[in-house]
Structures are given as C-alpha cells and as structure tokens.
Amino acid sequence: MAQLLYGEKIAEEILEGLAKQKRRSAGRRSKLVVFQVGENAISARYIREKEEVAERIGVRFSLVKFPKGTSQKKVKEAVEKTGKSPSVTGIVVQLPLPAKFAVQDILDAIPLEKDVDVLSSHAFGLFALGKLPIIPPTAHAIMLLLEHYRIAWQGKHIVVVGAGRLVGLPTILRLVMEKATFSSVNEKTKSLAAFTKQADILISGAGKPKIIKSSMLKKEAVVIDAGTSLEKGAASGDVDFNNVVSKVRAITPVPGGVGPLTVACLFENLFILSAQ
C-alpha cells in the first residue's frame, strides 16, 4: 500500500504561524476579496475553504458573486474598483470564468501588490524571472509536500500532466527554477502513457477525473494529484486512486492532499504582500 501524502498537517503549521503573526500585528488589517462568475461546485468548495481559513486566522473576507450572464466589462470594472480600495489587501478571481471571457484581461485587472494567486501577467512575469516575493499557491504546495515527506526529486524524472494557469504552468516554471528534470504533457500529447510510464514523480493538474490509471505508471512512482473535478457529485482527482494506490510508492488523496495546502499558501502570500 502506498504512503498517503496529506497536506493538512503542513497547512495547519502554516496557518498557526499566520494566526500568531496576525495577533502580534493587531494594528495591521488584512482583507481578501474573491470574485466568482456563475456557479461551479468545485469553485464554491474552494471559496468556502478560503472563507473558513480567513475567519480562523483573523482576515476579513468578502465574496462578490456575479450571475452567469454578466458581461466581462462589468466584472473587470468591479475588480479594478476593488483593487483601488486601500482596505483590500488581496484579490482572487476564482477560475474558471465563462468561456466567452478573455480570461487574462480580467486577471490583469488585479493589482500586482494584491495578486495572491499570481495570475496577472505582471505578477506571473516577475515570478518567471525570479523577482516576485511570493510563489503561485499550488506550485508552492507541491514542492512543500515533496520536502515535508522527504521525497528526493533532484535528478529524478518528473512528468507534469496539464499546463493550466493554476497548476501546470506555474509548477513547470518552478521546476525550471529548481533545475529539475521533467517532461510536460497535455491533452494534445500523443501517447500520454508513453510519458507517464517514465515518471519517477508524476504531477497531474489536468482537472479531468481518473484519467491516470495504474497501467500508465511504473511501480514505485510518486504521484502528486493536484487536479480536482466533480464525478457523480463527489470531488475526484485526475488519478484513479483505487486503481493506482497499490502500485505506487506514495500518492496524494483527493480531497486532503494538495488542496488544503494550496489554500494555506494563498493566505501566506496574502500576509507577505500585505507586509510589503
């Protein structure tokens, strides 16, 4: 049976540290504003987690919801207006946005000093150059998990499935910075299994339920499942957990693996930016 890599314990340590920091700086007020357009069950779940964490560590929280048919212009103007508020120290535009939206145009309305997710072009560009004081939350969470469980990755072959803005792309850039050896695959890659079978460490953020099967992995691989989607009303990862768990050396469960740690890293970013 594989070792289960839980993110909750590491997240707890981060959040306890942030709560203590908040108590020591009672005069400094932090506020996170989250924008959501339309309804999405996975997004709603993550927003609830953010709200719960905010309440726990003493951060003010506000959710701005727009119905599905809202125009891109209206959403962008709301983000820009909120970005100018001195009482707001962090902004999240919850993805996904409606397909008709020019997503990056909305994300670029987030001021650099309030972009806790590192999704604007300015913030992401600085991150890619190694000139940003924070790290995209999921990319940071993945590296913290490997470090916490003492999983050696230098010199190992890492395969990243998916190149999305929240998981794959920032993780790939993080691996480049760390001089890791890796392959990047996506939905256009032919013979996905030919790549995943080479992975000493597989990191998946495709957001497609159970696309990674046991037959696609080599024995004793380490699997970091950072993909979340809905399957029959329940949260599911990219990896077919029950099919894989007896073959690999270690694996993150979904939920309970990368997710809680990602939220903790986001709030850590909020505190770092607020102190700049």
Protein backbone atom coordinates (compact mmCIF):
# COMPACT_ATOMS: atom_id res chain seq x y z
CA MET A 1 0.00 0.00 0.00
CA ALA A 2 1.29 3.44 -0.94
CA GLN A 3 2.19 6.10 1.59
CA LEU A 4 -0.54 8.74 1.64
CA LEU A 5 0.73 12.30 1.34
CA TYR A 6 -1.62 14.55 3.29
CA GLY A 7 -1.37 18.32 3.04
CA GLU A 8 -3.49 19.12 6.11
CA LYS A 9 -0.70 18.84 8.68
CA ILE A 10 1.63 21.16 6.77
CA ALA A 11 -1.28 23.55 6.15
CA GLU A 12 -2.04 23.59 9.88
CA GLU A 13 1.53 24.59 10.69
CA ILE A 14 1.41 27.43 8.16
CA LEU A 15 -1.96 28.70 9.39
CA GLU A 16 -0.94 28.55 13.04
CA GLY A 17 2.09 30.66 12.18
CA LEU A 18 -0.08 33.17 10.30
CA ALA A 19 -2.56 33.40 13.18
CA LYS A 20 0.27 34.16 15.61
CA GLN A 21 1.65 36.74 13.21
CA LYS A 22 -1.79 38.35 12.99
CA ARG A 23 -2.08 38.56 16.77
CA ARG A 24 1.35 40.18 17.03
CA SER A 25 0.42 42.82 14.46
CA ALA A 26 -3.04 43.70 15.77
CA GLY A 27 -2.92 47.10 14.08
CA ARG A 28 -2.50 45.65 10.59
CA ARG A 29 -5.73 44.60 8.92
CA SER A 30 -5.89 42.16 6.04
CA LYS A 31 -8.85 41.66 3.72
CA LEU A 32 -9.30 39.13 0.92
CA VAL A 33 -11.92 39.69 -1.79
CA VAL A 34 -12.93 36.78 -4.03
CA PHE A 35 -14.80 37.29 -7.32
CA GLN A 36 -16.91 34.47 -8.76
CA VAL A 37 -18.88 34.47 -12.02
CA GLY A 38 -21.63 31.87 -12.41
CA GLU A 39 -21.98 28.64 -10.47
CA ASN A 40 -19.33 25.96 -10.19
CA ALA A 41 -19.42 23.34 -7.44
CA ILE A 42 -15.64 22.88 -7.22
CA SER A 43 -15.08 26.65 -7.15
CA ALA A 44 -17.73 27.03 -4.46
CA ARG A 45 -15.98 24.41 -2.35
CA TYR A 46 -12.63 26.18 -2.57
CA ILE A 47 -14.25 29.54 -1.79
CA ARG A 48 -15.82 28.08 1.36
CA GLU A 49 -12.41 26.78 2.43
CA LYS A 50 -10.89 30.23 1.91
CA GLU A 51 -13.66 31.87 3.92
CA GLU A 52 -13.25 29.39 6.78
CA VAL A 53 -9.49 29.90 6.88
CA ALA A 54 -9.90 33.68 6.75
CA GLU A 55 -12.24 33.63 9.74
CA ARG A 56 -9.90 31.34 11.64
CA ILE A 57 -6.78 33.49 11.27
CA GLY A 58 -8.44 36.89 11.56
CA VAL A 59 -8.58 38.00 7.93
CA ARG A 60 -11.65 39.84 6.69
CA PHE A 61 -13.29 38.07 3.76
CA SER A 62 -15.70 39.19 1.07
CA LEU A 63 -17.25 37.22 -1.80
CA VAL A 64 -18.51 39.13 -4.84
CA LYS A 65 -20.74 36.90 -6.98
CA PHE A 66 -21.95 37.68 -10.47
CA PRO A 67 -24.62 35.69 -12.33
CA LYS A 68 -23.54 33.65 -15.34
CA GLY A 69 -24.72 36.19 -17.93
CA THR A 70 -22.73 39.12 -16.51
CA SER A 71 -20.59 40.97 -19.06
CA GLN A 72 -16.82 40.83 -19.00
CA LYS A 73 -16.71 44.64 -18.80
CA LYS A 74 -18.78 44.71 -15.62
CA VAL A 75 -16.61 42.10 -13.90
CA LYS A 76 -13.38 43.80 -14.94
CA GLU A 77 -14.60 47.19 -13.70
CA ALA A 78 -15.53 45.65 -10.35
CA VAL A 79 -12.08 44.07 -9.99
CA GLU A 80 -10.40 47.37 -10.91
CA LYS A 81 -12.50 49.32 -8.43
CA THR A 82 -11.79 46.84 -5.65
CA GLY A 83 -8.09 46.95 -6.50
CA LYS A 84 -8.05 50.67 -5.69
CA SER A 85 -9.56 50.18 -2.23
CA PRO A 86 -6.92 50.69 0.50
CA SER A 87 -8.83 48.33 2.81
CA VAL A 88 -8.39 45.38 0.42
CA THR A 89 -5.02 43.62 0.64
CA GLY A 90 -5.68 40.59 -1.57
CA ILE A 91 -7.85 39.76 -4.60
CA VAL A 92 -8.74 36.38 -6.10
CA VAL A 93 -10.64 35.94 -9.35
CA GLN A 94 -11.96 32.42 -8.96
CA LEU A 95 -11.38 30.27 -12.03
CA PRO A 96 -12.90 29.05 -14.26
CA LEU A 97 -14.53 32.11 -15.80
CA PRO A 98 -17.18 31.87 -18.54
CA ALA A 99 -15.83 30.60 -21.85
CA LYS A 100 -16.79 33.84 -23.62
CA PHE A 101 -14.47 35.89 -21.38
CA ALA A 102 -10.95 36.94 -22.31
CA VAL A 103 -9.70 35.47 -19.05
CA GLN A 104 -6.27 37.11 -18.94
CA ASP A 105 -7.85 40.53 -19.45
CA ILE A 106 -9.81 40.04 -16.22
CA LEU A 107 -6.81 38.67 -14.33
CA ASP A 108 -4.68 41.61 -15.45
CA ALA A 109 -7.07 43.96 -13.63
CA ILE A 110 -5.69 42.63 -10.31
CA PRO A 111 -3.01 45.00 -8.95
CA LEU A 112 0.42 43.42 -8.55
CA GLU A 113 0.54 44.11 -4.81
CA LYS A 114 -2.80 42.30 -4.27
CA ASP A 115 -2.37 39.34 -6.64
CA VAL A 116 -2.13 36.49 -4.11
CA ASP A 117 -2.73 33.83 -6.80
CA VAL A 118 -0.01 35.21 -9.13
CA LEU A 119 -2.36 35.18 -12.11
CA SER A 120 -1.91 38.63 -13.65
CA SER A 121 0.59 38.97 -16.50
CA HIS A 122 2.72 41.35 -14.44
CA ALA A 123 2.90 39.09 -11.38
CA PHE A 124 3.44 35.93 -13.40
CA GLY A 125 6.16 37.57 -15.47
CA LEU A 126 8.03 38.63 -12.34
CA PHE A 127 7.62 35.14 -10.90
CA ALA A 128 9.09 33.64 -14.08
CA LEU A 129 12.08 35.95 -13.71
CA GLY A 130 12.53 35.06 -10.05
CA LYS A 131 11.71 38.61 -8.96
CA LEU A 132 8.46 38.08 -7.06
CA PRO A 133 8.38 37.68 -3.27
CA ILE A 134 5.64 35.04 -3.47
CA ILE A 135 5.10 31.74 -5.29
CA PRO A 136 1.88 30.59 -7.02
CA PRO A 137 -0.01 28.68 -4.28
CA THR A 138 -0.37 25.26 -5.91
CA ALA A 139 3.21 25.17 -7.21
CA HIS A 140 4.41 26.07 -3.72
CA ALA A 141 2.14 23.46 -2.11
CA ILE A 142 3.52 20.70 -4.35
CA MET A 143 7.13 21.48 -3.51
CA LEU A 144 6.31 21.73 0.22
CA LEU A 145 4.69 18.28 0.10
CA LEU A 146 7.76 16.73 -1.50
CA GLU A 147 10.01 18.45 1.03
CA HIS A 148 7.88 17.52 4.06
CA TYR A 149 7.77 13.82 3.14
CA ARG A 150 11.47 13.84 2.19
CA ILE A 151 10.84 12.74 -1.36
CA ALA A 152 14.01 13.35 -3.34
CA TRP A 153 13.30 14.89 -6.73
CA GLN A 154 16.67 16.22 -7.89
CA GLY A 155 17.86 14.04 -10.75
CA LYS A 156 14.54 12.19 -10.90
CA HIS A 157 12.31 12.29 -13.97
CA ILE A 158 9.23 14.38 -13.19
CA VAL A 159 6.26 14.35 -15.56
CA VAL A 160 3.73 17.20 -15.34
CA VAL A 161 0.29 16.49 -16.83
CA GLY A 162 -1.53 19.68 -17.85
CA ALA A 163 -0.24 23.21 -18.35
CA GLY A 164 -3.06 25.31 -16.90
CA ARG A 165 -2.55 28.65 -15.18
CA LEU A 166 -3.35 27.39 -11.67
CA VAL A 167 -1.32 24.15 -11.56
CA GLY A 168 0.68 23.02 -14.57
CA LEU A 169 2.27 26.21 -15.89
CA PRO A 170 3.46 27.65 -12.54
CA THR A 171 4.69 24.21 -11.49
CA ILE A 172 6.66 23.86 -14.72
CA LEU A 173 8.31 27.25 -14.17
CA ARG A 174 9.07 26.35 -10.57
CA LEU A 175 10.75 23.15 -11.73
CA VAL A 176 12.80 25.11 -14.27
CA MET A 177 13.99 27.43 -11.48
CA GLU A 178 14.96 24.42 -9.35
CA LYS A 179 16.88 22.83 -12.26
CA ALA A 180 14.67 19.76 -12.18
CA THR A 181 14.49 17.16 -14.94
CA PHE A 182 10.95 16.99 -16.26
CA SER A 183 8.58 16.45 -19.18
CA SER A 184 5.40 18.44 -19.76
CA VAL A 185 2.41 16.75 -21.38
CA ASN A 186 -1.12 17.92 -22.13
CA GLU A 187 -4.32 16.99 -23.94
CA LYS A 188 -2.56 17.30 -27.33
CA THR A 189 0.27 14.94 -26.40
CA LYS A 190 0.17 11.72 -28.39
CA SER A 191 0.50 8.51 -26.37
CA LEU A 192 0.22 10.09 -22.93
CA ALA A 193 1.04 6.77 -21.27
CA ALA A 194 4.43 6.60 -23.01
CA PHE A 195 5.43 9.66 -20.98
CA THR A 196 3.70 8.89 -17.68
CA LYS A 197 5.32 5.44 -17.55
CA GLN A 198 8.71 7.17 -17.39
CA ALA A 199 7.80 9.28 -14.37
CA ASP A 200 9.60 8.81 -11.07
CA ILE A 201 7.31 11.59 -9.87
CA LEU A 202 4.01 12.34 -11.62
CA ILE A 203 2.32 15.71 -11.01
CA SER A 204 -1.14 15.99 -12.52
CA GLY A 205 -3.30 19.11 -12.78
CA ALA A 206 -5.47 18.37 -15.80
CA GLY A 207 -8.79 18.60 -13.94
CA LYS A 208 -10.20 15.51 -15.66
CA PRO A 209 -11.46 12.73 -13.39
CA LYS A 210 -9.49 9.49 -13.21
CA ILE A 211 -7.56 9.87 -16.46
CA ILE A 212 -4.41 8.40 -14.90
CA LYS A 213 -4.66 4.62 -14.47
CA SER A 214 -2.33 2.07 -12.89
CA SER A 215 -1.22 0.81 -16.32
CA MET A 216 0.11 4.32 -17.09
CA LEU A 217 2.53 4.37 -14.15
CA LYS A 218 5.65 2.49 -13.25
CA LYS A 219 5.94 0.63 -9.97
CA GLU A 220 7.10 2.71 -7.01
CA ALA A 221 6.34 6.06 -8.67
CA VAL A 222 5.33 9.04 -6.52
CA VAL A 223 2.02 10.62 -7.57
CA ILE A 224 1.00 14.21 -6.77
CA ASP A 225 -2.63 14.65 -7.81
CA ALA A 226 -3.42 18.37 -7.99
CA GLY A 227 -6.43 18.03 -10.26
CA THR A 228 -9.93 18.42 -8.89
CA SER A 229 -13.22 17.88 -10.70
CA LEU A 230 -16.67 16.53 -9.97
CA GLU A 231 -17.67 12.95 -10.66
CA LYS A 232 -21.19 11.91 -9.68
CA GLY A 233 -21.40 14.81 -7.26
CA ALA A 234 -18.17 13.98 -5.42
CA ALA A 235 -14.69 15.51 -5.69
CA SER A 236 -12.37 13.46 -7.86
CA GLY A 237 -8.71 13.78 -8.77
CA ASP A 238 -7.02 13.16 -12.11
CA VAL A 239 -5.71 9.85 -10.79
CA ASP A 240 -7.88 6.74 -10.41
CA PHE A 241 -6.87 6.43 -6.76
CA ASN A 242 -8.25 2.94 -6.02
CA ASN A 243 -6.73 1.61 -9.21
CA VAL A 244 -3.31 3.13 -8.52
CA VAL A 245 -2.76 3.09 -4.75
CA SER A 246 -1.45 -0.49 -4.52
CA LYS A 247 1.16 0.07 -7.24
CA VAL A 248 2.85 3.36 -6.43
CA ARG A 249 5.20 4.30 -3.57
CA ALA A 250 3.31 7.42 -2.46
CA ILE A 251 0.21 9.35 -3.54
CA THR A 252 -1.82 12.39 -2.51
CA PRO A 253 -5.50 11.71 -1.81
CA VAL A 254 -8.24 13.93 -3.25
CA PRO A 255 -9.53 15.66 -1.23
CA GLY A 256 -6.99 16.11 1.56
CA GLY A 257 -3.73 16.21 -0.35
CA VAL A 258 -2.67 19.29 -2.29
CA GLY A 259 -5.89 21.30 -1.80
CA PRO A 260 -5.67 22.31 1.89
CA LEU A 261 -2.02 23.22 1.50
CA THR A 262 -2.77 25.36 -1.57
CA VAL A 263 -5.26 27.42 0.45
CA ALA A 264 -2.72 27.87 3.27
CA CYS A 265 -0.08 29.00 0.75
CA LEU A 266 -2.52 31.53 -0.70
CA PHE A 267 -3.00 33.12 2.74
CA GLU A 268 0.74 33.06 3.31
CA ASN A 269 1.03 35.07 0.07
CA LEU A 270 -1.60 37.50 1.38
CA PHE A 271 0.45 38.14 4.52
CA ILE A 272 3.70 38.55 2.57
CA LEU A 273 2.15 41.07 0.16
CA SER A 274 0.40 42.93 2.98
CA ALA A 275 3.75 43.44 4.69
CA GLN A 276 5.50 44.86 1.60
